[in-house]
Amino acid sequence: MKKNILITGGAGFIGSHVVRRFVNRYPDYQIINLDALTYAGNLANLTDLETTENYTFRKCDITNVADVEAIFKEFKIHSVIHLAAESHVDRSITNPIDFVMTNVVGTVILLNAYKQYGEAADGRFYHVSTDEVYGTLGDDGKFTETTPYDPNSPYSASKASSDHFVRAYHETYKLPVVISNCSNNYGSHQFPEKLIPLMIHNIKNNKPLPVYGKGENVRDWLWVEDHASAIDVIFHEGRIGETYNIGGNNEWKNLDLVHKLCEIMDRKLGRPAGKSLELITFVTDRAGHDFRYAIDASKLENELGWSPSVAFDQGFEKTIDWYLENEEWLEGVTSGAYQSYYSEHYDHR
């Protein structure tokens, strides 16, 4: 009998990679992809799975109690991999309520449904979170699983709250949970509000490249396929009640990353070296912009044997090639509501 695994947010950037991995690698699982299909959820990310026998899609907003409970009753959910979230910091500054509803209330609704209707006796509730819950670092040090929470944006505060609720359900109700906190992802199918696909799209179209402040903020970057493999390992082998940090050990200043993108894009587009650098435009820094994130993923490596499989240069090339080869996908998501959002956040900075 197949185990029914519910993956929330499975039509989004990271979720679509996780869904595809689990559908293709585990034919004994029935993967139920639950997604509200908001602006960043796109079923075009998963067209290759539409007729796959062990894949089912359900459109559902995780803040709708009745709809969530109906899905748990229909499928007798064995385990949950919870990726559904509002995730862009700028949007959380503009409209924090949406982040509270989806990331906090939605998570609690899922926990309640799993507690009441899920097959929790031998399953697990895997909550996927972010390194942003830890706040900011100075020039030195890295986040570990025991770093105190210190969120600085409405987004990170909402994710920190959801993490705490997941741990509380483990302690109070003995729900079998596991949590991971990951660094910045890059790769195919990412909505172009995020730094790398935004810059690729703008370089290609000779549009300004908006860089916050002086571009000195530092992020640790992880190829999305490596994140999906880490989720796979943690889901199957991680210890109940534990937290695992996932990182790429790959820190870049934002401005240096944009310079690297310009260099590669100029080469691939046949432009003179340095041409795209002229597009860089420094804009007013984001409110409460964390200076530096860096992940210590040694617990995951030592306990479960995971480490990134792709060097950054290789992953970067793969990512750029995908966006250049999938112009129709990129154009399809850079219209309508996204254009209004882009104008609101960048045109007047």
Protein backbone atom coordinates (compact mmCIF):
# COMPACT_ATOMS: atom_id res chain seq x y z
CA MET A 1 0.00 0.00 0.00
CA LYS A 2 1.40 3.39 -0.99
CA LYS A 3 2.16 5.96 1.68
CA ASN A 4 0.43 9.28 1.04
CA ILE A 5 2.93 12.13 1.42
CA LEU A 6 1.53 15.65 1.44
CA ILE A 7 3.90 18.32 0.10
CA THR A 8 2.62 21.84 0.64
CA GLY A 9 3.78 24.65 -1.62
CA GLY A 10 4.77 22.06 -4.19
CA ALA A 11 4.20 24.31 -7.21
CA GLY A 12 6.66 26.94 -6.02
CA PHE A 13 10.39 27.26 -6.61
CA ILE A 14 11.81 24.88 -4.01
CA GLY A 15 8.61 22.85 -3.72
CA SER A 16 8.54 21.88 -7.39
CA HIS A 17 12.07 20.48 -7.14
CA VAL A 18 11.16 18.50 -4.02
CA VAL A 19 7.94 17.16 -5.58
CA ARG A 20 9.75 16.05 -8.73
CA ARG A 21 12.48 14.33 -6.73
CA PHE A 22 10.03 12.42 -4.54
CA VAL A 23 7.71 11.44 -7.40
CA ASN A 24 10.59 10.12 -9.49
CA ARG A 25 12.60 8.45 -6.74
CA TYR A 26 9.84 6.90 -4.63
CA PRO A 27 7.17 5.11 -6.69
CA ASP A 28 5.86 3.55 -3.46
CA TYR A 29 4.79 7.03 -2.29
CA GLN A 30 1.67 8.81 -3.50
CA ILE A 31 2.70 12.47 -3.61
CA ILE A 32 -0.12 14.93 -3.01
CA ASN A 33 0.98 18.40 -4.07
CA LEU A 34 -1.04 21.05 -2.22
CA ASP A 35 -0.62 24.63 -3.41
CA ALA A 36 -2.78 27.78 -3.38
CA LEU A 37 -1.25 28.88 -6.72
CA THR A 38 -0.58 32.43 -5.62
CA TYR A 39 1.73 34.58 -7.77
CA ALA A 40 4.80 32.38 -7.11
CA GLY A 41 3.05 29.02 -7.48
CA ASN A 42 3.11 27.81 -11.06
CA LEU A 43 1.88 24.43 -12.32
CA ALA A 44 3.98 25.00 -15.43
CA ASN A 45 6.87 24.00 -13.16
CA LEU A 46 5.49 20.45 -13.08
CA THR A 47 3.90 19.77 -16.46
CA ASP A 48 6.08 16.68 -16.87
CA LEU A 49 4.38 15.05 -13.86
CA GLU A 50 0.73 15.67 -14.78
CA THR A 51 0.10 12.10 -15.98
CA THR A 52 2.40 10.37 -13.50
CA GLU A 53 0.54 7.70 -11.55
CA ASN A 54 1.92 8.52 -8.11
CA TYR A 55 1.31 12.28 -8.36
CA THR A 56 -1.84 14.22 -7.43
CA PHE A 57 -2.38 17.97 -7.32
CA ARG A 58 -4.90 19.76 -5.11
CA LYS A 59 -5.40 23.51 -5.10
CA CYS A 60 -5.83 24.60 -1.50
CA ASP A 61 -5.04 27.56 0.74
CA ILE A 62 -3.55 26.24 3.98
CA THR A 63 -5.39 28.94 5.94
CA ASN A 64 -8.73 27.32 5.00
CA VAL A 65 -9.43 24.86 7.83
CA ALA A 66 -12.25 22.98 6.12
CA ASP A 67 -10.32 22.48 2.87
CA VAL A 68 -7.17 21.34 4.64
CA GLU A 69 -9.08 18.86 6.83
CA ALA A 70 -10.94 17.54 3.78
CA ILE A 71 -7.65 16.70 2.09
CA PHE A 72 -6.33 14.92 5.18
CA LYS A 73 -9.53 12.88 5.40
CA GLU A 74 -9.53 12.06 1.68
CA PHE A 75 -5.95 10.86 1.48
CA LYS A 76 -5.14 9.55 4.98
CA ILE A 77 -1.89 11.49 5.04
CA HIS A 78 1.08 9.50 6.31
CA SER A 79 3.60 12.39 6.40
CA VAL A 80 3.84 16.08 5.57
CA ILE A 81 6.67 18.06 3.99
CA HIS A 82 5.64 21.64 4.65
CA LEU A 83 7.12 24.16 2.21
CA ALA A 84 4.13 26.48 1.67
CA ALA A 85 5.05 30.00 2.75
CA GLU A 86 5.06 33.63 1.84
CA SER A 87 8.79 34.12 1.44
CA HIS A 88 9.90 37.48 0.06
CA VAL A 89 11.12 39.95 2.68
CA ASP A 90 10.09 43.05 0.71
CA ARG A 91 6.52 41.80 0.44
CA SER A 92 6.45 41.14 4.19
CA ILE A 93 7.41 44.76 4.87
CA THR A 94 4.60 45.98 2.63
CA ASN A 95 1.94 43.56 3.89
CA PRO A 96 2.93 41.61 7.02
CA ILE A 97 -0.60 40.27 7.66
CA ASP A 98 -0.36 37.91 4.67
CA PHE A 99 2.80 36.45 6.16
CA VAL A 100 1.24 35.95 9.57
CA MET A 101 -1.77 34.22 8.03
CA THR A 102 0.09 31.84 5.73
CA ASN A 103 3.29 31.20 7.65
CA VAL A 104 1.92 31.12 11.20
CA VAL A 105 -1.81 30.39 11.06
CA GLY A 106 -1.47 28.11 8.03
CA THR A 107 1.24 26.07 9.74
CA VAL A 108 -0.87 25.64 12.88
CA ILE A 109 -3.87 24.54 10.77
CA LEU A 110 -1.68 21.90 9.11
CA LEU A 111 -0.32 20.74 12.47
CA ASN A 112 -3.85 20.41 13.84
CA ALA A 113 -5.02 18.47 10.80
CA TYR A 114 -2.05 16.11 10.96
CA LYS A 115 -2.54 15.59 14.69
CA GLN A 116 -6.23 14.80 14.23
CA TYR A 117 -6.37 12.98 10.90
CA GLY A 118 -2.80 12.06 9.91
CA GLU A 119 -1.07 8.73 10.36
CA ALA A 120 1.39 10.22 12.80
CA ALA A 121 2.16 6.93 14.56
CA ASP A 122 4.90 6.11 12.05
CA GLY A 123 4.99 9.26 9.88
CA ARG A 124 6.42 12.70 10.42
CA PHE A 125 5.71 16.39 9.95
CA TYR A 126 8.72 17.99 8.27
CA HIS A 127 8.75 21.78 8.50
CA VAL A 128 11.04 23.61 6.06
CA SER A 129 12.26 26.96 7.37
CA THR A 130 14.91 29.61 6.78
CA ASP A 131 18.20 30.81 8.23
CA GLU A 132 16.67 34.29 8.53
CA VAL A 133 15.06 33.32 11.84
CA TYR A 134 18.50 33.65 13.45
CA GLY A 135 18.82 37.34 12.63
CA THR A 136 22.09 38.76 11.37
CA LEU A 137 25.79 38.03 11.72
CA GLY A 138 28.80 40.30 11.79
CA ASP A 139 31.92 39.62 9.76
CA ASP A 140 32.62 36.32 11.54
CA GLY A 141 30.80 33.23 12.75
CA LYS A 142 28.02 31.01 11.42
CA PHE A 143 24.52 30.04 12.46
CA THR A 144 24.21 26.69 14.22
CA GLU A 145 21.09 24.82 15.27
CA THR A 146 21.46 26.31 18.76
CA THR A 147 21.82 29.95 17.67
CA PRO A 148 19.15 32.00 19.50
CA TYR A 149 16.33 33.27 17.32
CA ASP A 150 16.49 36.99 16.57
CA PRO A 151 14.30 37.74 13.52
CA ASN A 152 14.43 41.26 12.08
CA SER A 153 11.73 41.33 9.36
CA PRO A 154 8.04 40.43 9.38
CA TYR A 155 8.94 37.48 7.11
CA SER A 156 11.59 36.07 9.42
CA ALA A 157 9.41 36.74 12.48
CA SER A 158 6.56 34.76 10.88
CA LYS A 159 8.89 31.85 10.09
CA ALA A 160 10.37 31.94 13.59
CA SER A 161 6.87 31.77 15.03
CA SER A 162 5.96 28.82 12.83
CA ASP A 163 9.15 27.01 13.92
CA HIS A 164 8.17 27.50 17.54
CA PHE A 165 4.67 26.15 16.94
CA VAL A 166 6.09 23.03 15.28
CA ARG A 167 8.37 22.41 18.28
CA ALA A 168 5.49 23.11 20.68
CA TYR A 169 3.31 20.47 18.97
CA HIS A 170 6.16 18.01 19.36
CA GLU A 171 6.57 18.76 23.06
CA THR A 172 2.87 19.09 23.90
CA TYR A 173 1.24 16.50 21.64
CA LYS A 174 4.27 14.28 20.89
CA LEU A 175 3.78 14.95 17.19
CA PRO A 176 6.73 13.50 15.24
CA VAL A 177 8.36 16.59 13.74
CA VAL A 178 11.65 17.59 12.17
CA ILE A 179 12.75 21.07 11.10
CA SER A 180 15.37 22.38 8.71
CA ASN A 181 16.64 25.93 8.30
CA CYS A 182 18.22 26.66 4.94
CA SER A 183 20.32 29.40 3.37
CA ASN A 184 19.48 31.22 0.11
CA ASN A 185 18.59 28.95 -2.82
CA TYR A 186 19.28 29.49 -6.49
CA GLY A 187 18.36 27.43 -9.56
CA SER A 188 15.66 26.92 -12.16
CA HIS A 189 11.99 27.93 -11.81
CA GLN A 190 12.57 30.70 -9.25
CA PHE A 191 10.16 33.62 -9.37
CA PRO A 192 12.07 36.72 -10.55
CA GLU A 193 11.50 38.83 -7.49
CA LYS A 194 14.56 37.02 -6.12
CA LEU A 195 18.03 38.37 -6.76
CA ILE A 196 19.51 35.92 -9.27
CA PRO A 197 16.57 35.44 -11.70
CA LEU A 198 15.76 39.16 -11.42
CA MET A 199 19.28 40.08 -12.49
CA ILE A 200 19.35 37.49 -15.29
CA HIS A 201 16.06 38.81 -16.66
CA ASN A 202 17.13 42.45 -16.42
CA ILE A 203 20.57 41.91 -17.94
CA LYS A 204 19.02 40.06 -20.86
CA ASN A 205 16.58 42.93 -21.43
CA ASN A 206 19.06 45.78 -20.74
CA LYS A 207 17.10 46.96 -17.72
CA PRO A 208 18.61 48.49 -14.54
CA LEU A 209 20.04 46.07 -11.98
CA PRO A 210 18.75 47.34 -8.59
CA VAL A 211 21.24 46.64 -5.79
CA TYR A 212 20.28 47.51 -2.23
CA GLY A 213 22.52 49.97 -0.37
CA LYS A 214 26.16 49.46 -1.30
CA GLY A 215 25.67 45.78 -2.15
CA GLU A 216 27.78 44.68 0.81
CA ASN A 217 25.23 42.33 2.40
CA VAL A 218 26.46 38.73 2.45
CA ARG A 219 24.44 35.58 1.75
CA ASP A 220 25.25 31.87 1.69
CA TRP A 221 24.01 30.33 -1.58
CA LEU A 222 22.82 26.76 -2.14
CA TRP A 223 21.79 25.13 -5.42
CA VAL A 224 18.10 24.20 -5.15
CA GLU A 225 18.67 20.59 -6.24
CA ASP A 226 21.08 20.17 -3.33
CA HIS A 227 18.43 21.57 -1.01
CA ALA A 228 15.95 19.01 -2.36
CA SER A 229 18.45 16.21 -1.73
CA ALA A 230 18.98 17.46 1.84
CA ILE A 231 15.22 17.48 2.41
CA ASP A 232 15.11 13.90 1.10
CA VAL A 233 17.80 12.78 3.54
CA ILE A 234 16.34 14.62 6.53
CA PHE A 235 12.83 13.36 5.80
CA HIS A 236 13.97 9.75 5.74
CA GLU A 237 16.83 9.72 8.24
CA GLY A 238 16.61 12.80 10.45
CA ARG A 239 15.93 12.26 14.13
CA ILE A 240 12.46 13.16 15.38
CA GLY A 241 12.38 16.45 17.26
CA GLU A 242 15.67 17.64 15.78
CA THR A 243 16.61 20.68 13.71
CA TYR A 244 19.12 20.56 10.85
CA ASN A 245 20.76 23.55 9.19
CA ILE A 246 21.28 23.31 5.42
CA GLY A 247 23.88 25.54 3.79
CA GLY A 248 26.09 25.80 0.74
CA ASN A 249 29.29 27.00 2.49
CA ASN A 250 29.31 29.55 -0.28
CA GLU A 251 29.21 33.18 0.84
CA TRP A 252 28.95 36.08 -1.60
CA LYS A 253 28.49 39.80 -1.20
CA ASN A 254 25.45 40.83 -3.21
CA LEU A 255 27.46 43.21 -5.39
CA ASP A 256 30.12 40.59 -6.12
CA LEU A 257 27.39 38.15 -7.10
CA VAL A 258 25.86 40.68 -9.50
CA HIS A 259 29.32 41.33 -10.99
CA LYS A 260 29.76 37.59 -11.55
CA LEU A 261 26.34 37.40 -13.20
CA CYS A 262 27.19 40.30 -15.49
CA GLU A 263 30.46 38.65 -16.50
CA ILE A 264 28.82 35.33 -17.38
CA MET A 265 25.81 36.90 -19.08
CA ASP A 266 27.99 39.16 -21.25
CA ARG A 267 29.93 36.09 -22.37
CA LYS A 268 26.81 34.04 -23.10
CA LEU A 269 25.02 36.91 -24.87
CA GLY A 270 28.05 37.87 -26.96
CA ARG A 271 28.33 41.32 -25.43
CA PRO A 272 31.56 43.21 -24.76
CA ALA A 273 33.09 42.30 -21.40
CA GLY A 274 31.83 44.65 -18.70
CA LYS A 275 28.89 45.94 -20.74
CA SER A 276 26.22 44.74 -18.29
CA LEU A 277 28.03 46.32 -15.34
CA GLU A 278 26.75 49.65 -16.68
CA LEU A 279 23.22 48.55 -15.73
CA ILE A 280 23.94 48.37 -11.98
CA THR A 281 21.85 50.91 -10.05
CA PHE A 282 22.18 51.33 -6.30
CA VAL A 283 18.81 51.80 -4.61
CA THR A 284 17.70 52.72 -1.08
CA ASP A 285 18.48 49.86 1.26
CA ARG A 286 15.72 47.61 2.53
CA ALA A 287 14.39 48.42 6.01
CA GLY A 288 16.00 46.18 8.64
CA HIS A 289 18.27 44.56 6.03
CA ASP A 290 20.29 41.80 7.74
CA PHE A 291 24.01 42.22 7.04
CA ARG A 292 25.21 38.64 6.76
CA TYR A 293 23.92 35.07 6.87
CA ALA A 294 26.18 32.02 7.04
CA ILE A 295 25.18 28.45 7.82
CA ASP A 296 27.12 25.80 9.73
CA ALA A 297 25.75 22.56 8.23
CA SER A 298 28.19 20.25 10.01
CA LYS A 299 25.43 18.52 12.02
CA LEU A 300 23.69 17.46 8.81
CA GLU A 301 26.97 16.33 7.27
CA ASN A 302 28.20 14.46 10.35
CA GLU A 303 24.90 12.77 11.28
CA LEU A 304 23.34 12.10 7.88
CA GLY A 305 26.26 12.31 5.45
CA TRP A 306 24.86 15.16 3.33
CA SER A 307 26.98 17.81 1.66
CA PRO A 308 26.45 20.00 -1.43
CA SER A 309 27.11 18.12 -4.67
CA VAL A 310 27.57 21.05 -7.03
CA ALA A 311 30.28 23.71 -6.91
CA PHE A 312 28.93 27.22 -7.18
CA ASP A 313 30.46 27.99 -10.58
CA GLN A 314 28.89 24.84 -12.01
CA GLY A 315 25.50 25.50 -10.41
CA PHE A 316 25.59 29.13 -11.50
CA GLU A 317 26.23 28.17 -15.13
CA LYS A 318 23.41 25.60 -15.00
CA THR A 319 21.05 28.21 -13.58
CA ILE A 320 21.85 30.91 -16.13
CA ASP A 321 21.60 28.42 -18.99
CA TRP A 322 18.16 27.31 -17.80
CA TYR A 323 16.75 30.85 -17.77
CA LEU A 324 18.24 31.64 -21.17
CA GLU A 325 16.83 28.42 -22.62
CA ASN A 326 13.38 28.90 -21.07
CA GLU A 327 12.45 32.39 -22.21
CA GLU A 328 8.77 31.47 -22.51
CA TRP A 329 8.59 30.45 -18.84
CA LEU A 330 10.37 33.60 -17.72
CA GLU A 331 8.23 35.90 -19.86
CA GLY A 332 5.11 34.18 -18.57
CA VAL A 333 5.84 35.13 -14.98
CA THR A 334 7.16 38.65 -15.61
CA SER A 335 3.85 40.23 -16.51
CA GLY A 336 0.68 41.46 -14.83
CA ALA A 337 0.84 41.48 -11.06
CA TYR A 338 4.59 41.06 -11.07
CA GLN A 339 5.07 44.21 -13.14
CA SER A 340 3.00 46.21 -10.64
CA TYR A 341 5.02 44.76 -7.78
CA TYR A 342 8.31 45.54 -9.47
CA SER A 343 7.26 49.13 -10.12
CA GLU A 344 6.12 49.60 -6.54
CA HIS A 345 9.36 48.36 -5.02
CA TYR A 346 12.05 49.59 -7.40
CA ASP A 347 10.97 52.38 -9.76
CA HIS A 348 11.13 55.19 -7.22
CA ARG A 349 14.13 54.17 -5.12
